[in-house]
Amino acid sequence: MSAKGLLAVARAAARAGAAVLAERPLGPTPATRAELGAVTKSSGSDWVTDYDRRAEQAVREVITAYRPNDAISGEEYGHTEPEHPSGYRWSIDPLDGTTNFIRGIAQFCTSVAVEGPAAEGETRWLAGAVVAPALGRTWYASAGGGAFSTVDTPGIPQADLPPASGEPVRLNGPLPGRSGRLLATGFAYAGERRDFQLSALAALMPHFGDVRRIGAAALDLCMVADGTLDAYAEYGIQEHDWAAGALIAEEAGVPVRRPASGDGTNHPDWTVAGVLDPSEPSETTDQSSPRAQSLLPMPPVGE
């Protein structure tokens, strides 16, 4: 299947997950944790809800229907291998921005991406889609095919929308030379890692006018792709957080740095999209340049 064909599956799967999330009305009073089936995972601020699980099931059902021999790595149900592997693997975040979702904040989404064979035995990310039902927005990209967004209809479950809701707009990243640049980031649940992230943020801020903490890495990356934000940098997020959004940003012409991956497990490193230091020409096209690397410290050994 071509990258465009894989993108069609990714979009359908992301829409199915978002349709589950859209069942939860965003009223003036946040729903109770009991109503959402919310329980904590790694810390008192790390939540999972019944909607996370149901959305991932919906995403998996779509992928399996079209691609029964593909592996799937999901946040809630882990990694599954088919009996006859195709060499393709999907990375799912059924609900990125769970805390926002619980609190009734509209910035949450379903993120779906797929990687597959490339030259010389390597793999590459081939397609990705991010659907934010409460915002009425979809972002998507395929390898070599560019990145696009559509404005959907807020309040209508994504599965009920026509396949091409809204005219697609091609994404080209942030405007160069803009003053008052905005940096997006996020923070870990663990105190030591959060302290490291805060110290790293202080070193980055001289190159930006302000910072935004959206609460969903996939949306951060998409908002760099569409030019709403100028850059995103965060240490320690997991593959399902960045898989779709990083491809979307990359296809929008944004320089991207991804952590190592390949099996859906967590490899702590920086995820970056956009230019951190606009005075350094090499960084505008290469996130592995010495200047880009020097702006991104690594935490102490053992953190």
C-alpha atoms as a PDB file:
ATOM      1  CA  MET A   1       0.000   0.000   0.000  1.00  0.00           C
ATOM      2  CA  SER A   2       1.269   3.474  -0.889  1.00  0.00           C
ATOM      3  CA  ALA A   3       1.887   6.218   1.650  1.00  0.00           C
ATOM      4  CA  LYS A   4      -1.342   7.856   0.475  1.00  0.00           C
ATOM      5  CA  GLY A   5      -3.224   4.617   1.077  1.00  0.00           C
ATOM      6  CA  LEU A   6      -1.726   4.329   4.544  1.00  0.00           C
ATOM      7  CA  LEU A   7      -2.720   7.936   5.197  1.00  0.00           C
ATOM      8  CA  ALA A   8      -6.331   7.107   4.366  1.00  0.00           C
ATOM      9  CA  VAL A   9      -6.239   4.349   6.987  1.00  0.00           C
ATOM     10  CA  ALA A  10      -4.548   6.646   9.520  1.00  0.00           C
ATOM     11  CA  ARG A  11      -7.184   9.324   9.018  1.00  0.00           C
ATOM     12  CA  ALA A  12     -10.039   6.831   9.309  1.00  0.00           C
ATOM     13  CA  ALA A  13      -8.533   5.346  12.470  1.00  0.00           C
ATOM     14  CA  ALA A  14      -7.914   8.747  14.071  1.00  0.00           C
ATOM     15  CA  ARG A  15     -11.460   9.825  13.264  1.00  0.00           C
ATOM     16  CA  ALA A  16     -12.812   6.666  14.895  1.00  0.00           C
ATOM     17  CA  GLY A  17     -10.874   7.365  18.078  1.00  0.00           C
ATOM     18  CA  ALA A  18     -11.906  11.021  18.080  1.00  0.00           C
ATOM     19  CA  ALA A  19     -15.553  10.011  17.675  1.00  0.00           C
ATOM     20  CA  VAL A  20     -15.321   8.205  21.014  1.00  0.00           C
ATOM     21  CA  LEU A  21     -13.812  11.299  22.651  1.00  0.00           C
ATOM     22  CA  ALA A  22     -16.537  13.490  21.150  1.00  0.00           C
ATOM     23  CA  GLU A  23     -19.157  11.521  23.089  1.00  0.00           C
ATOM     24  CA  ARG A  24     -18.013  13.371  26.219  1.00  0.00           C
ATOM     25  CA  PRO A  25     -19.768  16.778  26.241  1.00  0.00           C
ATOM     26  CA  LEU A  26     -17.669  19.753  27.308  1.00  0.00           C
ATOM     27  CA  GLY A  27     -19.951  21.633  29.676  1.00  0.00           C
ATOM     28  CA  PRO A  28     -19.289  24.552  32.025  1.00  0.00           C
ATOM     29  CA  THR A  29     -18.784  22.109  34.908  1.00  0.00           C
ATOM     30  CA  PRO A  30     -16.071  19.437  34.488  1.00  0.00           C
ATOM     31  CA  ALA A  31     -17.267  15.846  34.718  1.00  0.00           C
ATOM     32  CA  THR A  32     -16.309  13.901  37.814  1.00  0.00           C
ATOM     33  CA  ARG A  33     -13.505  11.386  37.639  1.00  0.00           C
ATOM     34  CA  ALA A  34     -15.995   8.636  38.430  1.00  0.00           C
ATOM     35  CA  GLU A  35     -18.158   9.650  35.460  1.00  0.00           C
ATOM     36  CA  LEU A  36     -15.134   9.426  33.171  1.00  0.00           C
ATOM     37  CA  GLY A  37     -13.804   6.214  34.716  1.00  0.00           C
ATOM     38  CA  ALA A  38     -10.569   8.058  35.505  1.00  0.00           C
ATOM     39  CA  VAL A  39      -7.785   6.419  37.517  1.00  0.00           C
ATOM     40  CA  THR A  40      -4.139   7.364  38.025  1.00  0.00           C
ATOM     41  CA  LYS A  41      -1.173   5.542  36.463  1.00  0.00           C
ATOM     42  CA  SER A  42       2.417   6.597  37.217  1.00  0.00           C
ATOM     43  CA  SER A  43       1.528   9.494  39.524  1.00  0.00           C
ATOM     44  CA  GLY A  44      -1.359  11.478  40.929  1.00  0.00           C
ATOM     45  CA  SER A  45      -1.262  13.690  37.814  1.00  0.00           C
ATOM     46  CA  ASP A  46      -1.009  10.874  35.234  1.00  0.00           C
ATOM     47  CA  TRP A  47      -4.544   9.799  34.342  1.00  0.00           C
ATOM     48  CA  VAL A  48      -6.267   7.217  32.164  1.00  0.00           C
ATOM     49  CA  THR A  49     -10.014   7.137  31.524  1.00  0.00           C
ATOM     50  CA  ASP A  50     -12.532   4.751  30.034  1.00  0.00           C
ATOM     51  CA  TYR A  51     -12.450   7.029  26.990  1.00  0.00           C
ATOM     52  CA  ASP A  52      -8.704   6.390  26.500  1.00  0.00           C
ATOM     53  CA  ARG A  53      -9.312   2.658  26.393  1.00  0.00           C
ATOM     54  CA  ARG A  54     -12.439   2.797  24.239  1.00  0.00           C
ATOM     55  CA  ALA A  55     -10.799   5.193  21.795  1.00  0.00           C
ATOM     56  CA  GLU A  56      -7.778   2.922  21.411  1.00  0.00           C
ATOM     57  CA  GLN A  57     -10.055  -0.046  20.786  1.00  0.00           C
ATOM     58  CA  ALA A  58     -11.837   1.935  18.067  1.00  0.00           C
ATOM     59  CA  VAL A  59      -8.525   2.909  16.448  1.00  0.00           C
ATOM     60  CA  ARG A  60      -7.244  -0.666  16.557  1.00  0.00           C
ATOM     61  CA  GLU A  61     -10.445  -1.987  14.986  1.00  0.00           C
ATOM     62  CA  VAL A  62     -10.058   0.290  11.973  1.00  0.00           C
ATOM     63  CA  ILE A  63      -6.372  -0.520  11.490  1.00  0.00           C
ATOM     64  CA  THR A  64      -6.937  -4.255  11.854  1.00  0.00           C
ATOM     65  CA  ALA A  65      -9.824  -4.178   9.377  1.00  0.00           C
ATOM     66  CA  TYR A  66      -7.630  -2.638   6.662  1.00  0.00           C
ATOM     67  CA  ARG A  67      -4.188  -3.906   7.713  1.00  0.00           C
ATOM     68  CA  PRO A  68      -4.540  -7.213   9.612  1.00  0.00           C
ATOM     69  CA  ASN A  69      -0.837  -8.067   9.289  1.00  0.00           C
ATOM     70  CA  ASP A  70       0.540  -4.828  10.723  1.00  0.00           C
ATOM     71  CA  ALA A  71       1.937  -4.506  14.248  1.00  0.00           C
ATOM     72  CA  ILE A  72       0.323  -1.975  16.574  1.00  0.00           C
ATOM     73  CA  SER A  73       1.864  -0.076  19.508  1.00  0.00           C
ATOM     74  CA  GLY A  74      -0.694   1.745  21.644  1.00  0.00           C
ATOM     75  CA  GLU A  75      -0.488   3.726  24.850  1.00  0.00           C
ATOM     76  CA  GLU A  76      -3.156   1.740  26.684  1.00  0.00           C
ATOM     77  CA  TYR A  77      -2.892  -1.800  25.276  1.00  0.00           C
ATOM     78  CA  GLY A  78       0.803  -2.020  24.490  1.00  0.00           C
ATOM     79  CA  HIS A  79       2.443  -3.712  21.523  1.00  0.00           C
ATOM     80  CA  THR A  80       0.785  -6.462  19.497  1.00  0.00           C
ATOM     81  CA  GLU A  81       2.348  -8.499  16.704  1.00  0.00           C
ATOM     82  CA  PRO A  82       0.274 -10.304  14.045  1.00  0.00           C
ATOM     83  CA  GLU A  83       0.879 -13.928  13.150  1.00  0.00           C
ATOM     84  CA  HIS A  84       2.286 -12.965   9.737  1.00  0.00           C
ATOM     85  CA  PRO A  85       3.994  -9.560  10.179  1.00  0.00           C
ATOM     86  CA  SER A  86       3.963  -7.198   7.212  1.00  0.00           C
ATOM     87  CA  GLY A  87       6.870  -5.041   8.390  1.00  0.00           C
ATOM     88  CA  TYR A  88       4.606  -2.077   9.109  1.00  0.00           C
ATOM     89  CA  ARG A  89       3.855  -0.795  12.616  1.00  0.00           C
ATOM     90  CA  TRP A  90       1.276   1.675  13.908  1.00  0.00           C
ATOM     91  CA  SER A  91       1.797   4.006  16.879  1.00  0.00           C
ATOM     92  CA  ILE A  92      -1.380   5.147  18.650  1.00  0.00           C
ATOM     93  CA  ASP A  93      -2.179   7.743  21.271  1.00  0.00           C
ATOM     94  CA  PRO A  94      -5.952   7.422  21.624  1.00  0.00           C
ATOM     95  CA  LEU A  95      -6.246  10.450  23.916  1.00  0.00           C
ATOM     96  CA  ASP A  96      -3.337  12.865  24.011  1.00  0.00           C
ATOM     97  CA  GLY A  97      -4.158  15.488  26.618  1.00  0.00           C
ATOM     98  CA  THR A  98      -6.020  13.304  29.110  1.00  0.00           C
ATOM     99  CA  THR A  99      -5.803  15.885  31.902  1.00  0.00           C
ATOM    100  CA  ASN A 100      -7.282  18.515  29.576  1.00  0.00           C
ATOM    101  CA  PHE A 101     -10.038  16.053  28.676  1.00  0.00           C
ATOM    102  CA  ILE A 102     -10.866  15.388  32.327  1.00  0.00           C
ATOM    103  CA  ARG A 103     -10.917  19.105  33.164  1.00  0.00           C
ATOM    104  CA  GLY A 104     -13.064  20.034  30.162  1.00  0.00           C
ATOM    105  CA  ILE A 105     -10.243  21.840  28.320  1.00  0.00           C
ATOM    106  CA  ALA A 106     -10.655  21.492  24.553  1.00  0.00           C
ATOM    107  CA  GLN A 107      -7.001  20.777  23.696  1.00  0.00           C
ATOM    108  CA  PHE A 108      -7.017  16.972  23.367  1.00  0.00           C
ATOM    109  CA  CYS A 109      -6.820  14.668  20.370  1.00  0.00           C
ATOM    110  CA  THR A 110      -6.381  11.209  18.883  1.00  0.00           C
ATOM    111  CA  SER A 111      -3.012  10.623  17.192  1.00  0.00           C
ATOM    112  CA  VAL A 112      -2.258   7.776  14.752  1.00  0.00           C
ATOM    113  CA  ALA A 113       0.921   7.156  12.728  1.00  0.00           C
ATOM    114  CA  VAL A 114       2.493   4.283  10.799  1.00  0.00           C
ATOM    115  CA  GLU A 115       6.080   3.404   9.962  1.00  0.00           C
ATOM    116  CA  GLY A 116       7.294   0.900   7.405  1.00  0.00           C
ATOM    117  CA  PRO A 117      10.186  -0.329   5.267  1.00  0.00           C
ATOM    118  CA  ALA A 118      12.533   2.159   3.633  1.00  0.00           C
ATOM    119  CA  ALA A 119      15.861   1.830   1.835  1.00  0.00           C
ATOM    120  CA  GLU A 120      18.631  -0.494   3.072  1.00  0.00           C
ATOM    121  CA  GLY A 121      16.570  -2.207   5.733  1.00  0.00           C
ATOM    122  CA  GLU A 122      15.672   1.024   7.513  1.00  0.00           C
ATOM    123  CA  THR A 123      12.187   2.090   8.524  1.00  0.00           C
ATOM    124  CA  ARG A 124      10.589   5.504   8.204  1.00  0.00           C
ATOM    125  CA  TRP A 125       7.379   7.199   9.244  1.00  0.00           C
ATOM    126  CA  LEU A 126       4.998   7.054   6.306  1.00  0.00           C
ATOM    127  CA  ALA A 127       1.695   8.605   7.372  1.00  0.00           C
ATOM    128  CA  GLY A 128       0.092  10.279  10.356  1.00  0.00           C
ATOM    129  CA  ALA A 129      -3.138  11.956  11.397  1.00  0.00           C
ATOM    130  CA  VAL A 130      -4.200  13.966  14.438  1.00  0.00           C
ATOM    131  CA  VAL A 131      -7.882  14.714  15.100  1.00  0.00           C
ATOM    132  CA  ALA A 132      -8.967  17.173  17.811  1.00  0.00           C
ATOM    133  CA  PRO A 133     -12.757  16.785  18.057  1.00  0.00           C
ATOM    134  CA  ALA A 134     -13.465  19.622  20.499  1.00  0.00           C
ATOM    135  CA  LEU A 135     -11.417  22.033  18.361  1.00  0.00           C
ATOM    136  CA  GLY A 136     -12.943  20.815  15.106  1.00  0.00           C
ATOM    137  CA  ARG A 137      -9.470  20.392  13.574  1.00  0.00           C
ATOM    138  CA  THR A 138      -7.637  17.642  11.719  1.00  0.00           C
ATOM    139  CA  TRP A 139      -3.964  17.608  10.715  1.00  0.00           C
ATOM    140  CA  TYR A 140      -2.416  14.918   8.509  1.00  0.00           C
ATOM    141  CA  ALA A 141       0.600  14.093   6.348  1.00  0.00           C
ATOM    142  CA  SER A 142       2.174  11.358   4.259  1.00  0.00           C
ATOM    143  CA  ALA A 143       5.864  10.895   3.496  1.00  0.00           C
ATOM    144  CA  GLY A 144       6.705  13.048   0.499  1.00  0.00           C
ATOM    145  CA  GLY A 145       3.096  14.160   0.157  1.00  0.00           C
ATOM    146  CA  GLY A 146       3.086  17.298   2.274  1.00  0.00           C
ATOM    147  CA  ALA A 147       1.106  18.216   5.375  1.00  0.00           C
ATOM    148  CA  PHE A 148      -2.447  19.533   5.506  1.00  0.00           C
ATOM    149  CA  SER A 149      -5.150  20.589   7.922  1.00  0.00           C
ATOM    150  CA  THR A 150      -8.919  20.863   7.750  1.00  0.00           C
ATOM    151  CA  VAL A 151     -11.470  22.695   9.847  1.00  0.00           C
ATOM    152  CA  ASP A 152     -14.215  20.264  10.793  1.00  0.00           C
ATOM    153  CA  THR A 153     -17.476  20.911  12.608  1.00  0.00           C
ATOM    154  CA  PRO A 154     -17.049  21.143  16.407  1.00  0.00           C
ATOM    155  CA  GLY A 155     -19.573  19.188  18.423  1.00  0.00           C
ATOM    156  CA  ILE A 156     -20.259  16.557  15.756  1.00  0.00           C
ATOM    157  CA  PRO A 157     -18.603  13.161  16.305  1.00  0.00           C
ATOM    158  CA  GLN A 158     -15.786  12.802  13.799  1.00  0.00           C
ATOM    159  CA  ALA A 159     -17.064   9.466  12.498  1.00  0.00           C
ATOM    160  CA  ASP A 160     -20.303  11.208  11.455  1.00  0.00           C
ATOM    161  CA  LEU A 161     -18.516  13.802   9.331  1.00  0.00           C
ATOM    162  CA  PRO A 162     -18.080  13.285   5.571  1.00  0.00           C
ATOM    163  CA  PRO A 163     -14.646  11.973   4.513  1.00  0.00           C
ATOM    164  CA  ALA A 164     -13.478  15.411   3.305  1.00  0.00           C
ATOM    165  CA  SER A 165     -14.978  17.782   5.832  1.00  0.00           C
ATOM    166  CA  GLY A 166     -13.658  21.253   5.094  1.00  0.00           C
ATOM    167  CA  GLU A 167     -11.195  22.243   2.406  1.00  0.00           C
ATOM    168  CA  PRO A 168      -7.638  21.029   3.108  1.00  0.00           C
ATOM    169  CA  VAL A 169      -5.037  23.734   3.637  1.00  0.00           C
ATOM    170  CA  ARG A 170      -1.396  22.945   2.915  1.00  0.00           C
ATOM    171  CA  LEU A 171       0.898  23.623   5.866  1.00  0.00           C
ATOM    172  CA  ASN A 172       4.223  25.433   5.536  1.00  0.00           C
ATOM    173  CA  GLY A 173       5.395  25.907   9.117  1.00  0.00           C
ATOM    174  CA  PRO A 174       5.945  29.160  11.012  1.00  0.00           C
ATOM    175  CA  LEU A 175       6.685  32.460   9.306  1.00  0.00           C
ATOM    176  CA  PRO A 176      10.444  33.174   9.320  1.00  0.00           C
ATOM    177  CA  GLY A 177      11.671  36.322  10.993  1.00  0.00           C
ATOM    178  CA  ARG A 178       8.586  36.758  13.139  1.00  0.00           C
ATOM    179  CA  SER A 179       9.071  38.741  16.351  1.00  0.00           C
ATOM    180  CA  GLY A 180       7.766  37.575  19.711  1.00  0.00           C
ATOM    181  CA  ARG A 181       8.336  33.931  18.846  1.00  0.00           C
ATOM    182  CA  LEU A 182       6.343  31.326  20.805  1.00  0.00           C
ATOM    183  CA  LEU A 183       7.917  28.143  22.181  1.00  0.00           C
ATOM    184  CA  ALA A 184       5.722  25.215  23.202  1.00  0.00           C
ATOM    185  CA  THR A 185       6.838  22.655  25.760  1.00  0.00           C
ATOM    186  CA  GLY A 186       5.541  20.268  28.390  1.00  0.00           C
ATOM    187  CA  PHE A 187       6.568  18.904  31.750  1.00  0.00           C
ATOM    188  CA  ALA A 188       6.982  15.428  33.195  1.00  0.00           C
ATOM    189  CA  TYR A 189       5.063  13.997  36.139  1.00  0.00           C
ATOM    190  CA  ALA A 190       8.253  13.056  38.034  1.00  0.00           C
ATOM    191  CA  GLY A 191       9.802  15.880  40.055  1.00  0.00           C
ATOM    192  CA  GLU A 192      13.461  15.335  39.108  1.00  0.00           C
ATOM    193  CA  ARG A 193      12.745  15.273  35.383  1.00  0.00           C
ATOM    194  CA  ARG A 194      10.499  18.315  35.694  1.00  0.00           C
ATOM    195  CA  ASP A 195      13.304  20.214  37.456  1.00  0.00           C
ATOM    196  CA  PHE A 196      15.619  19.358  34.552  1.00  0.00           C
ATOM    197  CA  GLN A 197      13.022  20.465  31.998  1.00  0.00           C
ATOM    198  CA  LEU A 198      12.554  23.794  33.780  1.00  0.00           C
ATOM    199  CA  SER A 199      16.288  24.483  33.809  1.00  0.00           C
ATOM    200  CA  ALA A 200      16.521  23.626  30.104  1.00  0.00           C
ATOM    201  CA  LEU A 201      13.570  25.913  29.370  1.00  0.00           C
ATOM    202  CA  ALA A 202      15.347  28.813  31.064  1.00  0.00           C
ATOM    203  CA  ALA A 203      18.281  28.339  28.675  1.00  0.00           C
ATOM    204  CA  LEU A 204      15.985  28.366  25.627  1.00  0.00           C
ATOM    205  CA  MET A 205      13.851  31.373  26.531  1.00  0.00           C
ATOM    206  CA  PRO A 206      16.327  34.094  25.407  1.00  0.00           C
ATOM    207  CA  HIS A 207      15.452  33.023  21.839  1.00  0.00           C
ATOM    208  CA  PHE A 208      11.679  33.382  22.353  1.00  0.00           C
ATOM    209  CA  GLY A 209       9.192  36.022  23.374  1.00  0.00           C
ATOM    210  CA  ASP A 210       6.947  33.698  25.375  1.00  0.00           C
ATOM    211  CA  VAL A 211       6.113  30.066  26.101  1.00  0.00           C
ATOM    212  CA  ARG A 212       2.947  28.009  25.750  1.00  0.00           C
ATOM    213  CA  ARG A 213       2.051  24.778  27.549  1.00  0.00           C
ATOM    214  CA  ILE A 214      -0.854  23.294  25.545  1.00  0.00           C
ATOM    215  CA  GLY A 215      -0.950  19.958  27.366  1.00  0.00           C
ATOM    216  CA  ALA A 216      -0.848  17.640  24.332  1.00  0.00           C
ATOM    217  CA  ALA A 217       2.427  17.067  22.468  1.00  0.00           C
ATOM    218  CA  ALA A 218       0.693  15.985  19.258  1.00  0.00           C
ATOM    219  CA  LEU A 219      -1.140  19.319  19.138  1.00  0.00           C
ATOM    220  CA  ASP A 220       2.063  21.235  19.938  1.00  0.00           C
ATOM    221  CA  LEU A 221       3.741  19.654  16.915  1.00  0.00           C
ATOM    222  CA  CYS A 222       0.749  20.256  14.645  1.00  0.00           C
ATOM    223  CA  MET A 223       0.587  23.889  15.732  1.00  0.00           C
ATOM    224  CA  VAL A 224       4.226  24.342  14.733  1.00  0.00           C
ATOM    225  CA  ALA A 225       3.371  22.734  11.392  1.00  0.00           C
ATOM    226  CA  ASP A 226       0.537  25.192  10.770  1.00  0.00           C
ATOM    227  CA  GLY A 227       2.528  28.193  12.016  1.00  0.00           C
ATOM    228  CA  THR A 228       0.499  28.920  15.142  1.00  0.00           C
ATOM    229  CA  LEU A 229       3.618  28.244  17.222  1.00  0.00           C
ATOM    230  CA  ASP A 230       7.225  28.828  16.216  1.00  0.00           C
ATOM    231  CA  ALA A 231       8.912  25.854  17.877  1.00  0.00           C
ATOM    232  CA  TYR A 232       8.365  22.957  20.245  1.00  0.00           C
ATOM    233  CA  ALA A 233      10.915  21.258  22.500  1.00  0.00           C
ATOM    234  CA  GLU A 234      10.300  18.697  25.212  1.00  0.00           C
ATOM    235  CA  TYR A 235      12.444  16.049  26.861  1.00  0.00           C
ATOM    236  CA  GLY A 236      11.252  12.548  27.654  1.00  0.00           C
ATOM    237  CA  ILE A 237       7.939  12.111  25.834  1.00  0.00           C
ATOM    238  CA  GLN A 238       7.051   8.725  24.408  1.00  0.00           C
ATOM    239  CA  GLU A 239       6.781   7.635  20.798  1.00  0.00           C
ATOM    240  CA  HIS A 240       2.993   7.646  20.641  1.00  0.00           C
ATOM    241  CA  ASP A 241       3.093  11.309  21.737  1.00  0.00           C
ATOM    242  CA  TRP A 242       5.225  12.473  18.811  1.00  0.00           C
ATOM    243  CA  ALA A 243       4.834   9.874  16.027  1.00  0.00           C
ATOM    244  CA  ALA A 244       2.110  11.583  13.969  1.00  0.00           C
ATOM    245  CA  GLY A 245       2.842  15.186  14.913  1.00  0.00           C
ATOM    246  CA  ALA A 246       6.548  14.982  14.085  1.00  0.00           C
ATOM    247  CA  LEU A 247       5.804  13.689  10.576  1.00  0.00           C
ATOM    248  CA  ILE A 248       3.186  16.404  10.056  1.00  0.00           C
ATOM    249  CA  ALA A 249       5.681  19.089  11.106  1.00  0.00           C
ATOM    250  CA  GLU A 250       8.411  17.572   8.951  1.00  0.00           C
ATOM    251  CA  GLU A 251       6.180  17.446   5.876  1.00  0.00           C
ATOM    252  CA  ALA A 252       5.317  21.104   6.503  1.00  0.00           C
ATOM    253  CA  GLY A 253       9.015  21.887   6.002  1.00  0.00           C
ATOM    254  CA  VAL A 254       9.851  22.244   9.689  1.00  0.00           C
ATOM    255  CA  PRO A 255      13.199  20.865  10.969  1.00  0.00           C
ATOM    256  CA  VAL A 256      12.416  17.987  13.337  1.00  0.00           C
ATOM    257  CA  ARG A 257      14.382  15.964  15.860  1.00  0.00           C
ATOM    258  CA  ARG A 258      12.899  12.674  17.068  1.00  0.00           C
ATOM    259  CA  PRO A 259      14.060  10.370  19.866  1.00  0.00           C
ATOM    260  CA  ALA A 260      15.285   6.919  18.902  1.00  0.00           C
ATOM    261  CA  SER A 261      12.467   4.408  18.451  1.00  0.00           C
ATOM    262  CA  GLY A 262      11.683   1.233  16.577  1.00  0.00           C
ATOM    263  CA  ASP A 263       9.672  -0.885  18.977  1.00  0.00           C
ATOM    264  CA  GLY A 264       7.200   1.528  20.515  1.00  0.00           C
ATOM    265  CA  THR A 265       9.056   1.708  23.824  1.00  0.00           C
ATOM    266  CA  ASN A 266      10.282   4.802  25.620  1.00  0.00           C
ATOM    267  CA  HIS A 267      13.756   6.133  24.789  1.00  0.00           C
ATOM    268  CA  PRO A 268      14.169   9.381  26.761  1.00  0.00           C
ATOM    269  CA  ASP A 269      15.516  12.170  24.563  1.00  0.00           C
ATOM    270  CA  TRP A 270      14.501  15.529  23.154  1.00  0.00           C
ATOM    271  CA  THR A 271      11.679  15.917  20.655  1.00  0.00           C
ATOM    272  CA  VAL A 272      12.038  19.183  18.745  1.00  0.00           C
ATOM    273  CA  ALA A 273      10.213  20.895  15.897  1.00  0.00           C
ATOM    274  CA  GLY A 274      11.181  24.301  14.598  1.00  0.00           C
ATOM    275  CA  VAL A 275      14.195  26.559  14.995  1.00  0.00           C
ATOM    276  CA  LEU A 276      15.397  27.166  18.541  1.00  0.00           C
ATOM    277  CA  ASP A 277      17.991  29.820  17.682  1.00  0.00           C
ATOM    278  CA  PRO A 278      17.046  31.849  14.578  1.00  0.00           C
ATOM    279  CA  SER A 279      20.485  33.503  14.508  1.00  0.00           C
ATOM    280  CA  GLU A 280      22.118  30.172  13.598  1.00  0.00           C
ATOM    281  CA  PRO A 281      21.706  29.406   9.849  1.00  0.00           C
ATOM    282  CA  SER A 282      22.598  25.711  10.134  1.00  0.00           C
ATOM    283  CA  GLU A 283      19.754  25.089  12.548  1.00  0.00           C
ATOM    284  CA  THR A 284      17.099  26.236  10.085  1.00  0.00           C
ATOM    285  CA  THR A 285      17.477  22.953   8.210  1.00  0.00           C
ATOM    286  CA  ASP A 286      19.295  20.589  10.562  1.00  0.00           C
ATOM    287  CA  GLN A 287      18.237  19.767  14.116  1.00  0.00           C
ATOM    288  CA  SER A 288      21.409  17.681  14.507  1.00  0.00           C
ATOM    289  CA  SER A 289      23.668  20.696  13.913  1.00  0.00           C
ATOM    290  CA  PRO A 290      26.173  21.452  16.693  1.00  0.00           C
ATOM    291  CA  ARG A 291      24.322  24.650  17.601  1.00  0.00           C
ATOM    292  CA  ALA A 292      20.967  22.880  17.853  1.00  0.00           C
ATOM    293  CA  GLN A 293      22.557  20.157  19.981  1.00  0.00           C
ATOM    294  CA  SER A 294      24.223  22.684  22.293  1.00  0.00           C
ATOM    295  CA  LEU A 295      20.852  24.218  23.160  1.00  0.00           C
ATOM    296  CA  LEU A 296      19.505  20.876  24.375  1.00  0.00           C
ATOM    297  CA  PRO A 297      21.278  19.594  27.504  1.00  0.00           C
ATOM    298  CA  MET A 298      20.887  16.027  28.685  1.00  0.00           C
ATOM    299  CA  PRO A 299      19.858  15.223  32.263  1.00  0.00           C
ATOM    300  CA  PRO A 300      22.293  13.798  34.809  1.00  0.00           C
ATOM    301  CA  VAL A 301      23.114  10.113  34.404  1.00  0.00           C
ATOM    302  CA  GLY A 302      20.530   8.004  36.187  1.00  0.00           C
ATOM    303  CA  GLU A 303      17.694  10.524  35.922  1.00  0.00           C
END
